[in-house]
PDB file of all heavy atoms in Angstrom:
ATOM      1  N   LEU A   1       6.476  11.629 -33.968  1.00  0.00           N
ATOM      2  CA  LEU A   1       5.637  11.029 -35.016  1.00  0.00           C
ATOM      3  C   LEU A   1       5.864   9.535 -35.201  1.00  0.00           C
ATOM      4  O   LEU A   1       4.904   8.751 -35.183  1.00  0.00           O
ATOM      5  CB  LEU A   1       5.831  11.786 -36.335  1.00  0.00           C
ATOM      6  CG  LEU A   1       5.209  13.183 -36.380  1.00  0.00           C
ATOM      7  CD1 LEU A   1       5.530  13.864 -37.707  1.00  0.00           C
ATOM      8  CD2 LEU A   1       3.695  13.114 -36.166  1.00  0.00           C
ATOM      9  N   PRO A   2       7.103   9.055 -35.398  1.00  0.00           N
ATOM     10  CA  PRO A   2       7.275   7.593 -35.553  1.00  0.00           C
ATOM     11  C   PRO A   2       6.940   6.814 -34.291  1.00  0.00           C
ATOM     12  O   PRO A   2       6.648   5.616 -34.365  1.00  0.00           O
ATOM     13  CB  PRO A   2       8.754   7.453 -35.927  1.00  0.00           C
ATOM     14  CG  PRO A   2       9.403   8.670 -35.402  1.00  0.00           C
ATOM     15  CD  PRO A   2       8.389   9.760 -35.530  1.00  0.00           C
ATOM     16  N   ARG A   3       6.950   7.471 -33.142  1.00  0.00           N
ATOM     17  CA  ARG A   3       6.682   6.788 -31.877  1.00  0.00           C
ATOM     18  C   ARG A   3       5.200   6.758 -31.521  1.00  0.00           C
ATOM     19  O   ARG A   3       4.796   5.973 -30.657  1.00  0.00           O
ATOM     20  CB  ARG A   3       7.475   7.466 -30.754  1.00  0.00           C
ATOM     21  CG  ARG A   3       8.969   7.223 -30.859  1.00  0.00           C
ATOM     22  CD  ARG A   3       9.772   8.198 -30.028  1.00  0.00           C
ATOM     23  NE  ARG A   3      11.202   7.869 -30.065  1.00  0.00           N
ATOM     24  CZ  ARG A   3      12.010   8.180 -31.069  1.00  0.00           C
ATOM     25  NH1 ARG A   3      11.524   8.860 -32.113  1.00  0.00           N
ATOM     26  NH2 ARG A   3      13.276   7.838 -31.043  1.00  0.00           N
ATOM     27  N   LEU A   4       4.407   7.598 -32.162  1.00  0.00           N
ATOM     28  CA  LEU A   4       2.981   7.673 -31.852  1.00  0.00           C
ATOM     29  C   LEU A   4       2.087   7.261 -33.017  1.00  0.00           C
ATOM     30  O   LEU A   4       0.932   6.906 -32.804  1.00  0.00           O
ATOM     31  CB  LEU A   4       2.618   9.098 -31.413  1.00  0.00           C
ATOM     32  CG  LEU A   4       3.316   9.623 -30.152  1.00  0.00           C
ATOM     33  CD1 LEU A   4       2.872  11.048 -29.864  1.00  0.00           C
ATOM     34  CD2 LEU A   4       3.024   8.732 -28.959  1.00  0.00           C
ATOM     35  N   LYS A   5       2.587   7.330 -34.235  1.00  0.00           N
ATOM     36  CA  LYS A   5       1.766   7.045 -35.421  1.00  0.00           C
ATOM     37  C   LYS A   5       2.048   5.678 -36.029  1.00  0.00           C
ATOM     38  O   LYS A   5       1.520   5.349 -37.091  1.00  0.00           O
ATOM     39  CB  LYS A   5       1.999   8.127 -36.482  1.00  0.00           C
ATOM     40  CG  LYS A   5       1.598   9.529 -36.038  1.00  0.00           C
ATOM     41  CD  LYS A   5       0.121   9.619 -35.705  1.00  0.00           C
ATOM     42  CE  LYS A   5      -0.289  11.035 -35.321  1.00  0.00           C
ATOM     43  NZ  LYS A   5      -1.732  11.126 -34.980  1.00  0.00           N
ATOM     44  N   THR A   6       2.884   4.894 -35.382  1.00  0.00           N
ATOM     45  CA  THR A   6       3.183   3.537 -35.863  1.00  0.00           C
ATOM     46  C   THR A   6       2.991   2.562 -34.697  1.00  0.00           C
ATOM     47  O   THR A   6       2.575   2.951 -33.607  1.00  0.00           O
ATOM     48  CB  THR A   6       4.625   3.441 -36.395  1.00  0.00           C
ATOM     49  OG1 THR A   6       5.536   3.599 -35.302  1.00  0.00           O
ATOM     50  CG2 THR A   6       4.898   4.531 -37.437  1.00  0.00           C
ATOM     51  N   SER A   7       3.344   1.307 -34.924  1.00  0.00           N
ATOM     52  CA  SER A   7       3.191   0.309 -33.865  1.00  0.00           C
ATOM     53  C   SER A   7       4.152   0.538 -32.698  1.00  0.00           C
ATOM     54  O   SER A   7       4.034  -0.123 -31.661  1.00  0.00           O
ATOM     55  CB  SER A   7       3.411  -1.100 -34.442  1.00  0.00           C
ATOM     56  OG  SER A   7       4.648  -1.208 -35.106  1.00  0.00           O
ATOM     57  N   TRP A   8       5.090   1.485 -32.847  1.00  0.00           N
ATOM     58  CA  TRP A   8       5.932   1.852 -31.709  1.00  0.00           C
ATOM     59  C   TRP A   8       5.106   2.448 -30.580  1.00  0.00           C
ATOM     60  O   TRP A   8       5.573   2.512 -29.428  1.00  0.00           O
ATOM     61  CB  TRP A   8       7.000   2.859 -32.128  1.00  0.00           C
ATOM     62  CG  TRP A   8       8.148   2.253 -32.894  1.00  0.00           C
ATOM     63  CD1 TRP A   8       8.409   2.398 -34.222  1.00  0.00           C
ATOM     64  CD2 TRP A   8       9.176   1.407 -32.376  1.00  0.00           C
ATOM     65  NE1 TRP A   8       9.533   1.695 -34.565  1.00  0.00           N
ATOM     66  CE2 TRP A   8      10.025   1.089 -33.452  1.00  0.00           C
ATOM     67  CE3 TRP A   8       9.457   0.904 -31.109  1.00  0.00           C
ATOM     68  CZ2 TRP A   8      11.144   0.269 -33.297  1.00  0.00           C
ATOM     69  CZ3 TRP A   8      10.569   0.092 -30.938  1.00  0.00           C
ATOM     70  CH2 TRP A   8      11.399  -0.216 -32.030  1.00  0.00           C
ATOM     71  N   SER A   9       3.909   2.893 -30.876  1.00  0.00           N
ATOM     72  CA  SER A   9       3.055   3.479 -29.834  1.00  0.00           C
ATOM     73  C   SER A   9       2.747   2.457 -28.732  1.00  0.00           C
ATOM     74  O   SER A   9       2.500   2.839 -27.582  1.00  0.00           O
ATOM     75  CB  SER A   9       1.754   4.008 -30.438  1.00  0.00           C
ATOM     76  OG  SER A   9       1.030   2.961 -31.069  1.00  0.00           O
ATOM     77  N   ALA A  10       2.747   1.165 -29.078  1.00  0.00           N
ATOM     78  CA  ALA A  10       2.501   0.128 -28.063  1.00  0.00           C
ATOM     79  C   ALA A  10       3.587   0.153 -26.995  1.00  0.00           C
ATOM     80  O   ALA A  10       3.325  -0.082 -25.808  1.00  0.00           O
ATOM     81  CB  ALA A  10       2.433  -1.247 -28.720  1.00  0.00           C
ATOM     82  N   LEU A  11       4.819   0.464 -27.410  1.00  0.00           N
ATOM     83  CA  LEU A  11       5.905   0.564 -26.446  1.00  0.00           C
ATOM     84  C   LEU A  11       5.705   1.777 -25.544  1.00  0.00           C
ATOM     85  O   LEU A  11       6.014   1.730 -24.342  1.00  0.00           O
ATOM     86  CB  LEU A  11       7.241   0.659 -27.179  1.00  0.00           C
ATOM     87  CG  LEU A  11       8.447  -0.010 -26.513  1.00  0.00           C
ATOM     88  CD1 LEU A  11       8.187  -1.479 -26.281  1.00  0.00           C
ATOM     89  CD2 LEU A  11       9.692   0.192 -27.362  1.00  0.00           C
ATOM     90  N   GLY A  12       5.179   2.856 -26.117  1.00  0.00           N
ATOM     91  CA  GLY A  12       4.865   4.022 -25.307  1.00  0.00           C
ATOM     92  C   GLY A  12       3.793   3.730 -24.274  1.00  0.00           C
ATOM     93  O   GLY A  12       3.881   4.169 -23.121  1.00  0.00           O
ATOM     94  N   VAL A  13       2.782   2.984 -24.673  1.00  0.00           N
ATOM     95  CA  VAL A  13       1.726   2.593 -23.729  1.00  0.00           C
ATOM     96  C   VAL A  13       2.306   1.708 -22.630  1.00  0.00           C
ATOM     97  O   VAL A  13       1.965   1.852 -21.445  1.00  0.00           O
ATOM     98  CB  VAL A  13       0.589   1.866 -24.473  1.00  0.00           C
ATOM     99  CG1 VAL A  13      -0.423   1.294 -23.483  1.00  0.00           C
ATOM    100  CG2 VAL A  13      -0.098   2.811 -25.444  1.00  0.00           C
ATOM    101  N   ALA A  14       3.191   0.782 -23.008  1.00  0.00           N
ATOM    102  CA  ALA A  14       3.820  -0.093 -22.014  1.00  0.00           C
ATOM    103  C   ALA A  14       4.613   0.721 -20.993  1.00  0.00           C
ATOM    104  O   ALA A  14       4.612   0.408 -19.794  1.00  0.00           O
ATOM    105  CB  ALA A  14       4.725  -1.102 -22.707  1.00  0.00           C
ATOM    106  N   LEU A  15       5.274   1.777 -21.446  1.00  0.00           N
ATOM    107  CA  LEU A  15       6.022   2.631 -20.525  1.00  0.00           C
ATOM    108  C   LEU A  15       5.083   3.339 -19.551  1.00  0.00           C
ATOM    109  O   LEU A  15       5.378   3.453 -18.356  1.00  0.00           O
ATOM    110  CB  LEU A  15       6.840   3.661 -21.311  1.00  0.00           C
ATOM    111  CG  LEU A  15       8.100   3.135 -22.000  1.00  0.00           C
ATOM    112  CD1 LEU A  15       8.658   4.177 -22.963  1.00  0.00           C
ATOM    113  CD2 LEU A  15       9.158   2.758 -20.971  1.00  0.00           C
ATOM    114  N   VAL A  16       3.959   3.819 -20.049  1.00  0.00           N
ATOM    115  CA  VAL A  16       2.999   4.500 -19.172  1.00  0.00           C
ATOM    116  C   VAL A  16       2.459   3.533 -18.123  1.00  0.00           C
ATOM    117  O   VAL A  16       2.313   3.887 -16.942  1.00  0.00           O
ATOM    118  CB  VAL A  16       1.850   5.098 -20.007  1.00  0.00           C
ATOM    119  CG1 VAL A  16       0.748   5.635 -19.093  1.00  0.00           C
ATOM    120  CG2 VAL A  16       2.361   6.212 -20.907  1.00  0.00           C
ATOM    121  N   VAL A  17       2.194   2.303 -18.540  1.00  0.00           N
ATOM    122  CA  VAL A  17       1.583   1.328 -17.628  1.00  0.00           C
ATOM    123  C   VAL A  17       2.611   0.777 -16.636  1.00  0.00           C
ATOM    124  O   VAL A  17       2.389   0.773 -15.418  1.00  0.00           O
ATOM    125  CB  VAL A  17       0.939   0.178 -18.425  1.00  0.00           C
ATOM    126  CG1 VAL A  17       0.448  -0.919 -17.469  1.00  0.00           C
ATOM    127  CG2 VAL A  17      -0.214   0.702 -19.271  1.00  0.00           C
ATOM    128  N   PHE A  18       3.770   0.320 -17.163  1.00  0.00           N
ATOM    129  CA  PHE A  18       4.707  -0.428 -16.318  1.00  0.00           C
ATOM    130  C   PHE A  18       5.853   0.415 -15.770  1.00  0.00           C
ATOM    131  O   PHE A  18       6.588  -0.052 -14.893  1.00  0.00           O
ATOM    132  CB  PHE A  18       5.268  -1.619 -17.105  1.00  0.00           C
ATOM    133  CG  PHE A  18       4.217  -2.603 -17.513  1.00  0.00           C
ATOM    134  CD1 PHE A  18       3.847  -2.729 -18.844  1.00  0.00           C
ATOM    135  CD2 PHE A  18       3.586  -3.385 -16.570  1.00  0.00           C
ATOM    136  CE1 PHE A  18       2.874  -3.630 -19.230  1.00  0.00           C
ATOM    137  CE2 PHE A  18       2.613  -4.297 -16.939  1.00  0.00           C
ATOM    138  CZ  PHE A  18       2.242  -4.420 -18.277  1.00  0.00           C
ATOM    139  N   HIS A  19       6.030   1.613 -16.303  1.00  0.00           N
ATOM    140  CA  HIS A  19       7.080   2.483 -15.778  1.00  0.00           C
ATOM    141  C   HIS A  19       6.505   3.585 -14.902  1.00  0.00           C
ATOM    142  O   HIS A  19       7.254   4.299 -14.235  1.00  0.00           O
ATOM    143  CB  HIS A  19       7.888   3.094 -16.924  1.00  0.00           C
ATOM    144  CG  HIS A  19       9.290   3.470 -16.551  1.00  0.00           C
ATOM    145  ND1 HIS A  19       9.765   4.749 -16.653  1.00  0.00           N
ATOM    146  CD2 HIS A  19      10.328   2.732 -16.065  1.00  0.00           C
ATOM    147  CE1 HIS A  19      11.033   4.797 -16.251  1.00  0.00           C
ATOM    148  NE2 HIS A  19      11.394   3.586 -15.896  1.00  0.00           N
ATOM    149  N   LEU A  20       5.183   3.713 -14.926  1.00  0.00           N
ATOM    150  CA  LEU A  20       4.518   4.731 -14.114  1.00  0.00           C
ATOM    151  C   LEU A  20       3.372   4.150 -13.288  1.00  0.00           C
ATOM    152  O   LEU A  20       3.433   4.129 -12.055  1.00  0.00           O
ATOM    153  CB  LEU A  20       4.002   5.869 -15.001  1.00  0.00           C
ATOM    154  CG  LEU A  20       3.048   6.877 -14.332  1.00  0.00           C
ATOM    155  CD1 LEU A  20       3.718   7.557 -13.151  1.00  0.00           C
ATOM    156  CD2 LEU A  20       2.540   7.885 -15.338  1.00  0.00           C
ATOM    157  N   ALA A  21       2.321   3.663 -13.972  1.00  0.00           N
ATOM    158  CA  ALA A  21       1.080   3.320 -13.273  1.00  0.00           C
ATOM    159  C   ALA A  21       1.275   2.196 -12.252  1.00  0.00           C
ATOM    160  O   ALA A  21       0.885   2.325 -11.088  1.00  0.00           O
ATOM    161  CB  ALA A  21       0.003   2.936 -14.291  1.00  0.00           C
ATOM    162  N   VAL A  22       1.865   1.080 -12.677  1.00  0.00           N
ATOM    163  CA  VAL A  22       2.018  -0.064 -11.773  1.00  0.00           C
ATOM    164  C   VAL A  22       2.966   0.252 -10.618  1.00  0.00           C
ATOM    165  O   VAL A  22       2.614   0.029  -9.445  1.00  0.00           O
ATOM    166  CB  VAL A  22       2.480  -1.310 -12.557  1.00  0.00           C
ATOM    167  CG1 VAL A  22       2.825  -2.451 -11.596  1.00  0.00           C
ATOM    168  CG2 VAL A  22       1.389  -1.759 -13.529  1.00  0.00           C
ATOM    169  N   PRO A  23       4.185   0.784 -10.881  1.00  0.00           N
ATOM    170  CA  PRO A  23       5.046   1.133  -9.735  1.00  0.00           C
ATOM    171  C   PRO A  23       4.407   2.169  -8.809  1.00  0.00           C
ATOM    172  O   PRO A  23       4.535   2.075  -7.580  1.00  0.00           O
ATOM    173  CB  PRO A  23       6.310   1.696 -10.400  1.00  0.00           C
ATOM    174  CG  PRO A  23       6.318   1.109 -11.760  1.00  0.00           C
ATOM    175  CD  PRO A  23       4.889   0.991 -12.159  1.00  0.00           C
ATOM    176  N   PHE A  24       3.712   3.141  -9.386  1.00  0.00           N
ATOM    177  CA  PHE A  24       3.061   4.168  -8.575  1.00  0.00           C
ATOM    178  C   PHE A  24       2.011   3.548  -7.658  1.00  0.00           C
ATOM    179  O   PHE A  24       1.950   3.867  -6.462  1.00  0.00           O
ATOM    180  CB  PHE A  24       2.415   5.210  -9.498  1.00  0.00           C
ATOM    181  CG  PHE A  24       1.660   6.277  -8.766  1.00  0.00           C
ATOM    182  CD1 PHE A  24       2.330   7.279  -8.078  1.00  0.00           C
ATOM    183  CD2 PHE A  24       0.281   6.282  -8.767  1.00  0.00           C
ATOM    184  CE1 PHE A  24       1.633   8.273  -7.397  1.00  0.00           C
ATOM    185  CE2 PHE A  24      -0.436   7.271  -8.091  1.00  0.00           C
ATOM    186  CZ  PHE A  24       0.247   8.266  -7.403  1.00  0.00           C
ATOM    187  N   ALA A  25       1.199   2.652  -8.204  1.00  0.00           N
ATOM    188  CA  ALA A  25       0.139   2.024  -7.409  1.00  0.00           C
ATOM    189  C   ALA A  25       0.726   1.163  -6.289  1.00  0.00           C
ATOM    190  O   ALA A  25       0.244   1.189  -5.152  1.00  0.00           O
ATOM    191  CB  ALA A  25      -0.756   1.184  -8.313  1.00  0.00           C
ATOM    192  N   VAL A  26       1.771   0.405  -6.598  1.00  0.00           N
ATOM    193  CA  VAL A  26       2.365  -0.472  -5.580  1.00  0.00           C
ATOM    194  C   VAL A  26       3.057   0.350  -4.496  1.00  0.00           C
ATOM    195  O   VAL A  26       2.903   0.082  -3.296  1.00  0.00           O
ATOM    196  CB  VAL A  26       3.358  -1.454  -6.234  1.00  0.00           C
ATOM    197  CG1 VAL A  26       4.100  -2.251  -5.164  1.00  0.00           C
ATOM    198  CG2 VAL A  26       2.628  -2.399  -7.184  1.00  0.00           C
ATOM    199  N   LEU A  27       3.831   1.359  -4.900  1.00  0.00           N
ATOM    200  CA  LEU A  27       4.605   2.136  -3.936  1.00  0.00           C
ATOM    201  C   LEU A  27       3.736   3.059  -3.091  1.00  0.00           C
ATOM    202  O   LEU A  27       4.204   3.579  -2.073  1.00  0.00           O
ATOM    203  CB  LEU A  27       5.674   2.961  -4.669  1.00  0.00           C
ATOM    204  CG  LEU A  27       6.779   2.135  -5.335  1.00  0.00           C
ATOM    205  CD1 LEU A  27       7.689   3.025  -6.164  1.00  0.00           C
ATOM    206  CD2 LEU A  27       7.592   1.368  -4.297  1.00  0.00           C
TER     207      LEU A  27
END
């Protein structure tokens, strides 16, 4: 809840993009 219902959600989005999507696409 605090990670998805507050501005912490931006950090979650950053993890999806830069910890998964970008490395996956490059590799």
